[in-house]
């Protein structure tokens, strides 16, 4: 089994989304530049996802999630934002956030329009 968690990157004062996912992902220290890495880009540049490796026991999953949550939260704080477990919906109204500029997400957005 494996677990994925998505976070929204927000300004700590306003709780508005900030488009700093690439910086946070790279700074998390567990970065894999492949699409299947432990810290991944998402559709919007204000979203980031963590994915555990495949695990056999629940305590393995818990250990990986704790490690990944800490890495992403620390990297976000170092860059002046916070992680919020809110999936894709911002908690307050905001200006549009840019789509992550990778072929996967550009194709997804193009196919929706």
PDB file of N, CA and C in Angstrom:
ATOM      1  N   UNK A   1       0.843  -1.173   0.000  1.00  0.00           N
ATOM      2  CA  UNK A   1       0.000   0.000   0.000  1.00  0.00           C
ATOM      3  C   UNK A   1       0.887   1.234   0.000  1.00  0.00           C
ATOM      4  N   UNK A   2       0.339   2.320  -0.452  1.00  0.00           N
ATOM      5  CA  UNK A   2       1.015   3.601  -0.427  1.00  0.00           C
ATOM      6  C   UNK A   2      -0.009   4.692  -0.215  1.00  0.00           C
ATOM      7  N   UNK A   3       0.447   5.847   0.209  1.00  0.00           N
ATOM      8  CA  UNK A   3      -0.463   6.957   0.500  1.00  0.00           C
ATOM      9  C   UNK A   3       0.044   8.210  -0.194  1.00  0.00           C
ATOM     10  N   UNK A   4      -0.876   8.979  -0.761  1.00  0.00           N
ATOM     11  CA  UNK A   4      -0.562  10.291  -1.308  1.00  0.00           C
ATOM     12  C   UNK A   4      -1.337  11.331  -0.508  1.00  0.00           C
ATOM     13  N   UNK A   5      -0.682  12.446  -0.232  1.00  0.00           N
ATOM     14  CA  UNK A   5      -1.342  13.570   0.426  1.00  0.00           C
ATOM     15  C   UNK A   5      -1.059  14.827  -0.386  1.00  0.00           C
ATOM     16  N   UNK A   6      -2.077  15.649  -0.559  1.00  0.00           N
ATOM     17  CA  UNK A   6      -1.915  16.910  -1.276  1.00  0.00           C
ATOM     18  C   UNK A   6      -2.039  18.063  -0.292  1.00  0.00           C
ATOM     19  N   UNK A   7      -1.200  19.077  -0.532  1.00  0.00           N
ATOM     20  CA  UNK A   7      -1.219  20.263   0.311  1.00  0.00           C
ATOM     21  C   UNK A   7      -1.328  21.505  -0.551  1.00  0.00           C
ATOM     22  N   UNK A   8      -1.908  22.523   0.017  1.00  0.00           N
ATOM     23  CA  UNK A   8      -1.963  23.830  -0.598  1.00  0.00           C
ATOM     24  C   UNK A   8      -0.915  24.691   0.101  1.00  0.00           C
ATOM     25  N   UNK A   9      -0.112  25.415  -0.667  1.00  0.00           N
ATOM     26  CA  UNK A   9       0.866  26.331  -0.092  1.00  0.00           C
ATOM     27  C   UNK A   9       0.205  27.682   0.074  1.00  0.00           C
ATOM     28  N   UNK A  10       0.246  28.220   1.292  1.00  0.00           N
ATOM     29  CA  UNK A  10      -0.453  29.471   1.573  1.00  0.00           C
ATOM     30  C   UNK A  10       0.451  30.457   2.298  1.00  0.00           C
ATOM     31  N   UNK A  11       0.111  31.730   2.131  1.00  0.00           N
ATOM     32  CA  UNK A  11       0.741  32.796   2.895  1.00  0.00           C
ATOM     33  C   UNK A  11       0.305  32.631   4.347  1.00  0.00           C
ATOM     34  N   UNK A  12       1.225  32.689   5.319  1.00  0.00           N
ATOM     35  CA  UNK A  12       0.846  32.439   6.709  1.00  0.00           C
ATOM     36  C   UNK A  12      -0.079  33.500   7.309  1.00  0.00           C
ATOM     37  N   UNK A  13      -0.075  34.692   6.763  1.00  0.00           N
ATOM     38  CA  UNK A  13      -0.918  35.758   7.321  1.00  0.00           C
ATOM     39  C   UNK A  13      -2.291  35.817   6.673  1.00  0.00           C
ATOM     40  N   UNK A  14      -2.340  35.685   5.357  1.00  0.00           N
ATOM     41  CA  UNK A  14      -3.608  35.834   4.644  1.00  0.00           C
ATOM     42  C   UNK A  14      -4.304  34.515   4.341  1.00  0.00           C
ATOM     43  N   UNK A  15      -3.559  33.424   4.401  1.00  0.00           N
ATOM     44  CA  UNK A  15      -4.030  32.084   4.008  1.00  0.00           C
ATOM     45  C   UNK A  15      -4.383  31.998   2.526  1.00  0.00           C
ATOM     46  N   UNK A  16      -3.881  32.945   1.736  1.00  0.00           N
ATOM     47  CA  UNK A  16      -4.089  32.901   0.293  1.00  0.00           C
ATOM     48  C   UNK A  16      -3.032  32.014  -0.350  1.00  0.00           C
ATOM     49  N   UNK A  17      -3.391  31.288  -1.400  1.00  0.00           N
ATOM     50  CA  UNK A  17      -2.422  30.416  -2.081  1.00  0.00           C
ATOM     51  C   UNK A  17      -1.256  31.205  -2.657  1.00  0.00           C
ATOM     52  N   UNK A  18      -0.072  30.607  -2.585  1.00  0.00           N
ATOM     53  CA  UNK A  18       1.135  31.195  -3.180  1.00  0.00           C
ATOM     54  C   UNK A  18       1.731  30.190  -4.166  1.00  0.00           C
ATOM     55  N   UNK A  19       2.217  30.653  -5.310  1.00  0.00           N
ATOM     56  CA  UNK A  19       2.704  29.747  -6.368  1.00  0.00           C
ATOM     57  C   UNK A  19       4.172  29.360  -6.197  1.00  0.00           C
ATOM     58  N   UNK A  20       4.517  28.741  -5.086  1.00  0.00           N
ATOM     59  CA  UNK A  20       5.911  28.430  -4.776  1.00  0.00           C
ATOM     60  C   UNK A  20       6.186  26.935  -4.702  1.00  0.00           C
ATOM     61  N   UNK A  21       5.360  26.118  -5.325  1.00  0.00           N
ATOM     62  CA  UNK A  21       5.495  24.665  -5.219  1.00  0.00           C
ATOM     63  C   UNK A  21       6.853  24.160  -5.701  1.00  0.00           C
ATOM     64  N   UNK A  22       7.350  24.702  -6.795  1.00  0.00           N
ATOM     65  CA  UNK A  22       8.622  24.213  -7.315  1.00  0.00           C
ATOM     66  C   UNK A  22       9.751  24.474  -6.328  1.00  0.00           C
ATOM     67  N   UNK A  23       9.809  25.668  -5.754  1.00  0.00           N
ATOM     68  CA  UNK A  23      10.841  25.987  -4.764  1.00  0.00           C
ATOM     69  C   UNK A  23      10.728  25.086  -3.539  1.00  0.00           C
ATOM     70  N   UNK A  24       9.519  24.906  -3.048  1.00  0.00           N
ATOM     71  CA  UNK A  24       9.313  24.061  -1.858  1.00  0.00           C
ATOM     72  C   UNK A  24       9.664  22.615  -2.175  1.00  0.00           C
ATOM     73  N   UNK A  25       9.246  22.133  -3.327  1.00  0.00           N
ATOM     74  CA  UNK A  25       9.539  20.742  -3.717  1.00  0.00           C
ATOM     75  C   UNK A  25      11.044  20.507  -3.762  1.00  0.00           C
ATOM     76  N   UNK A  26      11.763  21.420  -4.379  1.00  0.00           N
ATOM     77  CA  UNK A  26      13.219  21.272  -4.484  1.00  0.00           C
ATOM     78  C   UNK A  26      13.905  21.377  -3.121  1.00  0.00           C
ATOM     79  N   UNK A  27      13.389  22.212  -2.256  1.00  0.00           N
ATOM     80  CA  UNK A  27      14.012  22.430  -0.950  1.00  0.00           C
ATOM     81  C   UNK A  27      13.668  21.347   0.066  1.00  0.00           C
ATOM     82  N   UNK A  28      12.685  20.525  -0.234  1.00  0.00           N
ATOM     83  CA  UNK A  28      12.240  19.527   0.735  1.00  0.00           C
ATOM     84  C   UNK A  28      13.311  18.478   1.033  1.00  0.00           C
ATOM     85  N   UNK A  29      14.274  18.327   0.130  1.00  0.00           N
ATOM     86  CA  UNK A  29      15.370  17.405   0.397  1.00  0.00           C
ATOM     87  C   UNK A  29      15.082  15.957   0.061  1.00  0.00           C
ATOM     88  N   UNK A  30      13.892  15.661  -0.410  1.00  0.00           N
ATOM     89  CA  UNK A  30      13.535  14.290  -0.807  1.00  0.00           C
ATOM     90  C   UNK A  30      13.080  14.304  -2.261  1.00  0.00           C
ATOM     91  N   UNK A  31      13.604  15.253  -2.996  1.00  0.00           N
ATOM     92  CA  UNK A  31      13.156  15.510  -4.354  1.00  0.00           C
ATOM     93  C   UNK A  31      13.641  14.450  -5.321  1.00  0.00           C
ATOM     94  N   UNK A  32      12.730  13.990  -6.113  1.00  0.00           N
ATOM     95  CA  UNK A  32      13.063  13.201  -7.292  1.00  0.00           C
ATOM     96  C   UNK A  32      12.516  13.987  -8.464  1.00  0.00           C
ATOM     97  N   UNK A  33      13.317  14.208  -9.470  1.00  0.00           N
ATOM     98  CA  UNK A  33      12.864  15.013 -10.589  1.00  0.00           C
ATOM     99  C   UNK A  33      11.972  14.238 -11.548  1.00  0.00           C
ATOM    100  N   UNK A  34      11.688  12.985 -11.220  1.00  0.00           N
ATOM    101  CA  UNK A  34      10.750  12.223 -12.035  1.00  0.00           C
ATOM    102  C   UNK A  34       9.339  12.480 -11.532  1.00  0.00           C
ATOM    103  N   UNK A  35       8.373  12.193 -12.365  1.00  0.00           N
ATOM    104  CA  UNK A  35       6.982  12.410 -11.996  1.00  0.00           C
ATOM    105  C   UNK A  35       6.565  11.534 -10.817  1.00  0.00           C
ATOM    106  N   UNK A  36       7.258  10.432 -10.600  1.00  0.00           N
ATOM    107  CA  UNK A  36       6.888   9.487  -9.556  1.00  0.00           C
ATOM    108  C   UNK A  36       7.678   9.669  -8.268  1.00  0.00           C
ATOM    109  N   UNK A  37       8.303  10.810  -8.052  1.00  0.00           N
ATOM    110  CA  UNK A  37       9.088  11.038  -6.849  1.00  0.00           C
ATOM    111  C   UNK A  37       8.215  11.154  -5.609  1.00  0.00           C
ATOM    112  N   UNK A  38       8.855  11.233  -4.456  1.00  0.00           N
ATOM    113  CA  UNK A  38       8.112  11.322  -3.201  1.00  0.00           C
ATOM    114  C   UNK A  38       7.444  12.681  -3.019  1.00  0.00           C
ATOM    115  N   UNK A  39       8.022  13.741  -3.559  1.00  0.00           N
ATOM    116  CA  UNK A  39       7.413  15.071  -3.509  1.00  0.00           C
ATOM    117  C   UNK A  39       7.157  15.492  -4.948  1.00  0.00           C
ATOM    118  N   UNK A  40       5.897  15.720  -5.273  1.00  0.00           N
ATOM    119  CA  UNK A  40       5.508  15.897  -6.671  1.00  0.00           C
ATOM    120  C   UNK A  40       4.772  17.211  -6.885  1.00  0.00           C
ATOM    121  N   UNK A  41       4.864  17.695  -8.125  1.00  0.00           N
ATOM    122  CA  UNK A  41       4.086  18.853  -8.526  1.00  0.00           C
ATOM    123  C   UNK A  41       2.639  18.433  -8.734  1.00  0.00           C
ATOM    124  N   UNK A  42       1.774  19.399  -8.647  1.00  0.00           N
ATOM    125  CA  UNK A  42       0.360  19.172  -8.925  1.00  0.00           C
ATOM    126  C   UNK A  42      -0.099  20.169  -9.978  1.00  0.00           C
ATOM    127  N   UNK A  43      -1.384  20.181 -10.246  1.00  0.00           N
ATOM    128  CA  UNK A  43      -1.943  21.020 -11.308  1.00  0.00           C
ATOM    129  C   UNK A  43      -1.567  22.496 -11.138  1.00  0.00           C
ATOM    130  N   UNK A  44      -1.781  23.046  -9.975  1.00  0.00           N
ATOM    131  CA  UNK A  44      -1.498  24.457  -9.737  1.00  0.00           C
ATOM    132  C   UNK A  44      -0.164  24.629  -9.032  1.00  0.00           C
ATOM    133  N   UNK A  45       0.481  25.741  -9.278  1.00  0.00           N
ATOM    134  CA  UNK A  45       1.787  26.007  -8.679  1.00  0.00           C
ATOM    135  C   UNK A  45       1.690  26.309  -7.181  1.00  0.00           C
ATOM    136  N   UNK A  46       0.488  26.294  -6.641  1.00  0.00           N
ATOM    137  CA  UNK A  46       0.304  26.451  -5.195  1.00  0.00           C
ATOM    138  C   UNK A  46      -0.005  25.111  -4.527  1.00  0.00           C
ATOM    139  N   UNK A  47       0.067  24.021  -5.280  1.00  0.00           N
ATOM    140  CA  UNK A  47      -0.205  22.692  -4.744  1.00  0.00           C
ATOM    141  C   UNK A  47       1.057  21.837  -4.774  1.00  0.00           C
ATOM    142  N   UNK A  48       1.163  20.967  -3.789  1.00  0.00           N
ATOM    143  CA  UNK A  48       2.279  20.025  -3.739  1.00  0.00           C
ATOM    144  C   UNK A  48       1.738  18.708  -3.187  1.00  0.00           C
ATOM    145  N   UNK A  49       2.326  17.614  -3.626  1.00  0.00           N
ATOM    146  CA  UNK A  49       1.853  16.295  -3.210  1.00  0.00           C
ATOM    147  C   UNK A  49       3.023  15.479  -2.695  1.00  0.00           C
ATOM    148  N   UNK A  50       2.772  14.697  -1.656  1.00  0.00           N
ATOM    149  CA  UNK A  50       3.763  13.713  -1.212  1.00  0.00           C
ATOM    150  C   UNK A  50       3.188  12.334  -1.474  1.00  0.00           C
ATOM    151  N   UNK A  51       4.067  11.387  -1.763  1.00  0.00           N
ATOM    152  CA  UNK A  51       3.655  10.010  -2.038  1.00  0.00           C
ATOM    153  C   UNK A  51       4.633   9.066  -1.361  1.00  0.00           C
ATOM    154  N   UNK A  52       4.116   8.212  -0.499  1.00  0.00           N
ATOM    155  CA  UNK A  52       4.985   7.243   0.158  1.00  0.00           C
ATOM    156  C   UNK A  52       5.389   6.172  -0.849  1.00  0.00           C
ATOM    157  N   UNK A  53       6.500   5.502  -0.598  1.00  0.00           N
ATOM    158  CA  UNK A  53       6.778   4.310  -1.402  1.00  0.00           C
ATOM    159  C   UNK A  53       5.767   3.221  -1.048  1.00  0.00           C
ATOM    160  N   UNK A  54       5.763   2.163  -1.811  1.00  0.00           N
ATOM    161  CA  UNK A  54       4.896   1.028  -1.496  1.00  0.00           C
ATOM    162  C   UNK A  54       5.378   0.417  -0.183  1.00  0.00           C
ATOM    163  N   UNK A  55       4.431   0.203   0.728  1.00  0.00           N
ATOM    164  CA  UNK A  55       4.754  -0.313   2.065  1.00  0.00           C
ATOM    165  C   UNK A  55       3.974  -1.593   2.335  1.00  0.00           C
ATOM    166  N   UNK A  56       4.499  -2.388   3.245  1.00  0.00           N
ATOM    167  CA  UNK A  56       3.848  -3.640   3.626  1.00  0.00           C
ATOM    168  C   UNK A  56       3.063  -3.469   4.926  1.00  0.00           C
ATOM    169  N   UNK A  57       3.577  -2.623   5.831  1.00  0.00           N
ATOM    170  CA  UNK A  57       2.952  -2.457   7.145  1.00  0.00           C
ATOM    171  C   UNK A  57       2.512  -1.005   7.352  1.00  0.00           C
ATOM    172  N   UNK A  58       1.491  -0.813   8.179  1.00  0.00           N
ATOM    173  CA  UNK A  58       0.983   0.522   8.469  1.00  0.00           C
ATOM    174  C   UNK A  58       2.026   1.394   9.159  1.00  0.00           C
ATOM    175  N   UNK A  59       2.872   0.797  10.006  1.00  0.00           N
ATOM    176  CA  UNK A  59       3.884   1.621  10.672  1.00  0.00           C
ATOM    177  C   UNK A  59       4.905   2.163   9.670  1.00  0.00           C
ATOM    178  N   UNK A  60       5.127   1.448   8.583  1.00  0.00           N
ATOM    179  CA  UNK A  60       5.993   1.962   7.509  1.00  0.00           C
ATOM    180  C   UNK A  60       5.361   3.194   6.870  1.00  0.00           C
ATOM    181  N   UNK A  61       4.053   3.089   6.571  1.00  0.00           N
ATOM    182  CA  UNK A  61       3.337   4.219   5.979  1.00  0.00           C
ATOM    183  C   UNK A  61       3.425   5.425   6.908  1.00  0.00           C
ATOM    184  N   UNK A  62       3.156   5.204   8.185  1.00  0.00           N
ATOM    185  CA  UNK A  62       3.200   6.296   9.162  1.00  0.00           C
ATOM    186  C   UNK A  62       4.568   6.952   9.240  1.00  0.00           C
ATOM    187  N   UNK A  63       5.608   6.150   9.207  1.00  0.00           N
ATOM    188  CA  UNK A  63       6.966   6.690   9.256  1.00  0.00           C
ATOM    189  C   UNK A  63       7.288   7.531   8.040  1.00  0.00           C
ATOM    190  N   UNK A  64       6.905   7.049   6.866  1.00  0.00           N
ATOM    191  CA  UNK A  64       7.152   7.818   5.639  1.00  0.00           C
ATOM    192  C   UNK A  64       6.342   9.110   5.624  1.00  0.00           C
ATOM    193  N   UNK A  65       5.070   9.038   6.041  1.00  0.00           N
ATOM    194  CA  UNK A  65       4.250  10.248   6.052  1.00  0.00           C
ATOM    195  C   UNK A  65       4.816  11.287   7.014  1.00  0.00           C
ATOM    196  N   UNK A  66       5.245  10.852   8.181  1.00  0.00           N
ATOM    197  CA  UNK A  66       5.835  11.779   9.144  1.00  0.00           C
ATOM    198  C   UNK A  66       7.072  12.451   8.554  1.00  0.00           C
ATOM    199  N   UNK A  67       7.940  11.670   7.930  1.00  0.00           N
ATOM    200  CA  UNK A  67       9.158  12.196   7.314  1.00  0.00           C
ATOM    201  C   UNK A  67       8.838  13.183   6.200  1.00  0.00           C
ATOM    202  N   UNK A  68       7.891  12.819   5.331  1.00  0.00           N
ATOM    203  CA  UNK A  68       7.542  13.670   4.197  1.00  0.00           C
ATOM    204  C   UNK A  68       6.819  14.940   4.641  1.00  0.00           C
ATOM    205  N   UNK A  69       5.915  14.811   5.593  1.00  0.00           N
ATOM    206  CA  UNK A  69       5.220  16.000   6.112  1.00  0.00           C
ATOM    207  C   UNK A  69       6.215  16.976   6.713  1.00  0.00           C
ATOM    208  N   UNK A  70       7.142  16.456   7.495  1.00  0.00           N
ATOM    209  CA  UNK A  70       8.146  17.320   8.121  1.00  0.00           C
ATOM    210  C   UNK A  70       9.015  18.001   7.061  1.00  0.00           C
ATOM    211  N   UNK A  71       9.458  17.251   6.070  1.00  0.00           N
ATOM    212  CA  UNK A  71      10.323  17.813   5.028  1.00  0.00           C
ATOM    213  C   UNK A  71       9.616  18.931   4.260  1.00  0.00           C
ATOM    214  N   UNK A  72       8.368  18.702   3.877  1.00  0.00           N
ATOM    215  CA  UNK A  72       7.635  19.704   3.108  1.00  0.00           C
ATOM    216  C   UNK A  72       7.272  20.908   3.981  1.00  0.00           C
ATOM    217  N   UNK A  73       6.827  20.672   5.199  1.00  0.00           N
ATOM    218  CA  UNK A  73       6.475  21.791   6.087  1.00  0.00           C
ATOM    219  C   UNK A  73       7.692  22.654   6.397  1.00  0.00           C
ATOM    220  N   UNK A  74       8.833  22.028   6.645  1.00  0.00           N
ATOM    221  CA  UNK A  74      10.059  22.789   6.922  1.00  0.00           C
ATOM    222  C   UNK A  74      10.500  23.592   5.706  1.00  0.00           C
ATOM    223  N   UNK A  75      10.449  22.966   4.535  1.00  0.00           N
ATOM    224  CA  UNK A  75      10.836  23.663   3.310  1.00  0.00           C
ATOM    225  C   UNK A  75       9.897  24.837   3.036  1.00  0.00           C
ATOM    226  N   UNK A  76       8.621  24.646   3.263  1.00  0.00           N
ATOM    227  CA  UNK A  76       7.655  25.732   3.051  1.00  0.00           C
ATOM    228  C   UNK A  76       7.922  26.881   4.015  1.00  0.00           C
ATOM    229  N   UNK A  77       8.121  26.552   5.267  1.00  0.00           N
ATOM    230  CA  UNK A  77       8.383  27.606   6.261  1.00  0.00           C
ATOM    231  C   UNK A  77       9.657  28.368   5.931  1.00  0.00           C
ATOM    232  N   UNK A  78      10.688  27.665   5.495  1.00  0.00           N
ATOM    233  CA  UNK A  78      11.940  28.330   5.100  1.00  0.00           C
ATOM    234  C   UNK A  78      11.722  29.305   3.949  1.00  0.00           C
ATOM    235  N   UNK A  79      10.718  29.065   3.132  1.00  0.00           N
ATOM    236  CA  UNK A  79      10.435  29.928   1.983  1.00  0.00           C
ATOM    237  C   UNK A  79       9.332  30.935   2.255  1.00  0.00           C
ATOM    238  N   UNK A  80       8.852  30.983   3.506  1.00  0.00           N
ATOM    239  CA  UNK A  80       7.886  32.006   3.893  1.00  0.00           C
ATOM    240  C   UNK A  80       6.428  31.651   3.682  1.00  0.00           C
ATOM    241  N   UNK A  81       6.135  30.370   3.512  1.00  0.00           N
ATOM    242  CA  UNK A  81       4.737  29.965   3.387  1.00  0.00           C
ATOM    243  C   UNK A  81       4.472  28.775   4.307  1.00  0.00           C
ATOM    244  N   UNK A  82       3.257  28.302   4.295  1.00  0.00           N
ATOM    245  CA  UNK A  82       2.866  27.156   5.112  1.00  0.00           C
ATOM    246  C   UNK A  82       2.134  26.153   4.238  1.00  0.00           C
ATOM    247  N   UNK A  83       2.096  24.890   4.698  1.00  0.00           N
ATOM    248  CA  UNK A  83       1.312  23.871   4.000  1.00  0.00           C
ATOM    249  C   UNK A  83      -0.038  23.745   4.689  1.00  0.00           C
ATOM    250  N   UNK A  84      -1.051  23.577   3.877  1.00  0.00           N
ATOM    251  CA  UNK A  84      -2.406  23.447   4.370  1.00  0.00           C
ATOM    252  C   UNK A  84      -3.027  22.232   3.702  1.00  0.00           C
ATOM    253  N   UNK A  85      -3.527  21.304   4.486  1.00  0.00           N
ATOM    254  CA  UNK A  85      -4.172  20.113   3.932  1.00  0.00           C
ATOM    255  C   UNK A  85      -5.573  20.495   3.487  1.00  0.00           C
ATOM    256  N   UNK A  86      -5.670  21.011   2.268  1.00  0.00           N
ATOM    257  CA  UNK A  86      -6.936  21.528   1.772  1.00  0.00           C
ATOM    258  C   UNK A  86      -7.202  21.093   0.338  1.00  0.00           C
ATOM    259  N   UNK A  87      -6.438  20.139  -0.175  1.00  0.00           N
ATOM    260  CA  UNK A  87      -6.578  19.662  -1.565  1.00  0.00           C
ATOM    261  C   UNK A  87      -6.493  20.825  -2.530  1.00  0.00           C
ATOM    262  N   UNK A  88      -7.470  20.998  -3.403  1.00  0.00           N
ATOM    263  CA  UNK A  88      -7.375  22.014  -4.452  1.00  0.00           C
ATOM    264  C   UNK A  88      -8.108  23.299  -4.125  1.00  0.00           C
ATOM    265  N   UNK A  89      -8.923  23.315  -3.098  1.00  0.00           N
ATOM    266  CA  UNK A  89      -9.758  24.480  -2.831  1.00  0.00           C
ATOM    267  C   UNK A  89      -9.098  25.438  -1.849  1.00  0.00           C
ATOM    268  N   UNK A  90      -8.865  26.688  -2.254  1.00  0.00           N
ATOM    269  CA  UNK A  90      -8.334  27.664  -1.311  1.00  0.00           C
ATOM    270  C   UNK A  90      -9.370  27.962  -0.233  1.00  0.00           C
ATOM    271  N   UNK A  91      -8.890  28.379   0.932  1.00  0.00           N
ATOM    272  CA  UNK A  91      -9.800  28.657   2.035  1.00  0.00           C
ATOM    273  C   UNK A  91     -10.409  30.042   1.952  1.00  0.00           C
ATOM    274  N   UNK A  92      -9.848  30.905   1.140  1.00  0.00           N
ATOM    275  CA  UNK A  92     -10.371  32.251   0.928  1.00  0.00           C
ATOM    276  C   UNK A  92     -10.264  32.566  -0.548  1.00  0.00           C
ATOM    277  N   UNK A  93     -11.021  33.536  -0.994  1.00  0.00           N
ATOM    278  CA  UNK A  93     -10.925  33.949  -2.381  1.00  0.00           C
ATOM    279  C   UNK A  93      -9.532  34.454  -2.698  1.00  0.00           C
ATOM    280  N   UNK A  94      -9.120  34.298  -3.933  1.00  0.00           N
ATOM    281  CA  UNK A  94      -7.770  34.725  -4.290  1.00  0.00           C
ATOM    282  C   UNK A  94      -7.679  34.964  -5.784  1.00  0.00           C
ATOM    283  N   UNK A  95      -6.564  35.549  -6.168  1.00  0.00           N
ATOM    284  CA  UNK A  95      -6.268  35.709  -7.588  1.00  0.00           C
ATOM    285  C   UNK A  95      -5.940  34.337  -8.169  1.00  0.00           C
ATOM    286  N   UNK A  96      -6.093  34.152  -9.466  1.00  0.00           N
ATOM    287  CA  UNK A  96      -5.758  32.863 -10.085  1.00  0.00           C
ATOM    288  C   UNK A  96      -4.294  32.497  -9.856  1.00  0.00           C
ATOM    289  N   UNK A  97      -4.052  31.221  -9.656  1.00  0.00           N
ATOM    290  CA  UNK A  97      -2.703  30.702  -9.478  1.00  0.00           C
ATOM    291  C   UNK A  97      -2.305  30.030 -10.781  1.00  0.00           C
ATOM    292  N   UNK A  98      -1.064  30.238 -11.246  1.00  0.00           N
ATOM    293  CA  UNK A  98      -0.666  29.636 -12.523  1.00  0.00           C
ATOM    294  C   UNK A  98      -0.651  28.106 -12.481  1.00  0.00           C
ATOM    295  N   UNK A  99      -0.924  27.519 -13.626  1.00  0.00           N
ATOM    296  CA  UNK A  99      -0.834  26.070 -13.788  1.00  0.00           C
ATOM    297  C   UNK A  99       0.643  25.694 -13.833  1.00  0.00           C
ATOM    298  N   UNK A 100       0.978  24.559 -13.267  1.00  0.00           N
ATOM    299  CA  UNK A 100       2.351  24.061 -13.279  1.00  0.00           C
ATOM    300  C   UNK A 100       2.774  23.807 -14.723  1.00  0.00           C
ATOM    301  N   UNK A 101       3.922  24.371 -15.143  1.00  0.00           N
ATOM    302  CA  UNK A 101       4.314  24.303 -16.556  1.00  0.00           C
ATOM    303  C   UNK A 101       5.017  23.007 -16.950  1.00  0.00           C
ATOM    304  N   UNK A 102       4.336  21.891 -16.793  1.00  0.00           N
ATOM    305  CA  UNK A 102       4.876  20.612 -17.252  1.00  0.00           C
ATOM    306  C   UNK A 102       3.931  20.061 -18.316  1.00  0.00           C
ATOM    307  N   UNK A 103       4.430  19.205 -19.210  1.00  0.00           N
ATOM    308  CA  UNK A 103       3.556  18.654 -20.261  1.00  0.00           C
ATOM    309  C   UNK A 103       2.305  17.988 -19.699  1.00  0.00           C
ATOM    310  N   UNK A 104       2.438  17.278 -18.577  1.00  0.00           N
ATOM    311  CA  UNK A 104       1.285  16.581 -17.996  1.00  0.00           C
ATOM    312  C   UNK A 104       0.151  17.554 -17.684  1.00  0.00           C
ATOM    313  N   UNK A 105       0.455  18.645 -17.002  1.00  0.00           N
ATOM    314  CA  UNK A 105      -0.587  19.576 -16.580  1.00  0.00           C
ATOM    315  C   UNK A 105      -1.025  20.492 -17.712  1.00  0.00           C
ATOM    316  N   UNK A 106      -0.129  20.869 -18.607  1.00  0.00           N
ATOM    317  CA  UNK A 106      -0.539  21.680 -19.761  1.00  0.00           C
ATOM    318  C   UNK A 106      -1.527  20.905 -20.628  1.00  0.00           C
ATOM    319  N   UNK A 107      -1.276  19.622 -20.820  1.00  0.00           N
ATOM    320  CA  UNK A 107      -2.181  18.775 -21.595  1.00  0.00           C
ATOM    321  C   UNK A 107      -3.526  18.647 -20.895  1.00  0.00           C
ATOM    322  N   UNK A 108      -3.511  18.464 -19.584  1.00  0.00           N
ATOM    323  CA  UNK A 108      -4.756  18.317 -18.827  1.00  0.00           C
ATOM    324  C   UNK A 108      -5.614  19.563 -18.953  1.00  0.00           C
ATOM    325  N   UNK A 109      -5.005  20.730 -18.833  1.00  0.00           N
ATOM    326  CA  UNK A 109      -5.757  21.978 -18.919  1.00  0.00           C
ATOM    327  C   UNK A 109      -6.270  22.190 -20.332  1.00  0.00           C
ATOM    328  N   UNK A 110      -5.465  21.900 -21.326  1.00  0.00           N
ATOM    329  CA  UNK A 110      -5.872  22.066 -22.721  1.00  0.00           C
ATOM    330  C   UNK A 110      -7.060  21.168 -23.053  1.00  0.00           C
ATOM    331  N   UNK A 111      -7.044  19.939 -22.529  1.00  0.00           N
ATOM    332  CA  UNK A 111      -8.128  18.999 -22.812  1.00  0.00           C
ATOM    333  C   UNK A 111      -9.434  19.372 -22.125  1.00  0.00           C
ATOM    334  N   UNK A 112      -9.362  20.155 -21.060  1.00  0.00           N
ATOM    335  CA  UNK A 112     -10.572  20.568 -20.347  1.00  0.00           C
ATOM    336  C   UNK A 112     -11.267  21.707 -21.070  1.00  0.00           C
ATOM    337  N   UNK A 113     -10.483  22.565 -21.692  1.00  0.00           N
ATOM    338  CA  UNK A 113     -11.064  23.755 -22.338  1.00  0.00           C
ATOM    339  C   UNK A 113     -11.835  23.416 -23.553  1.00  0.00           C
TER     340      UNK A 113
END
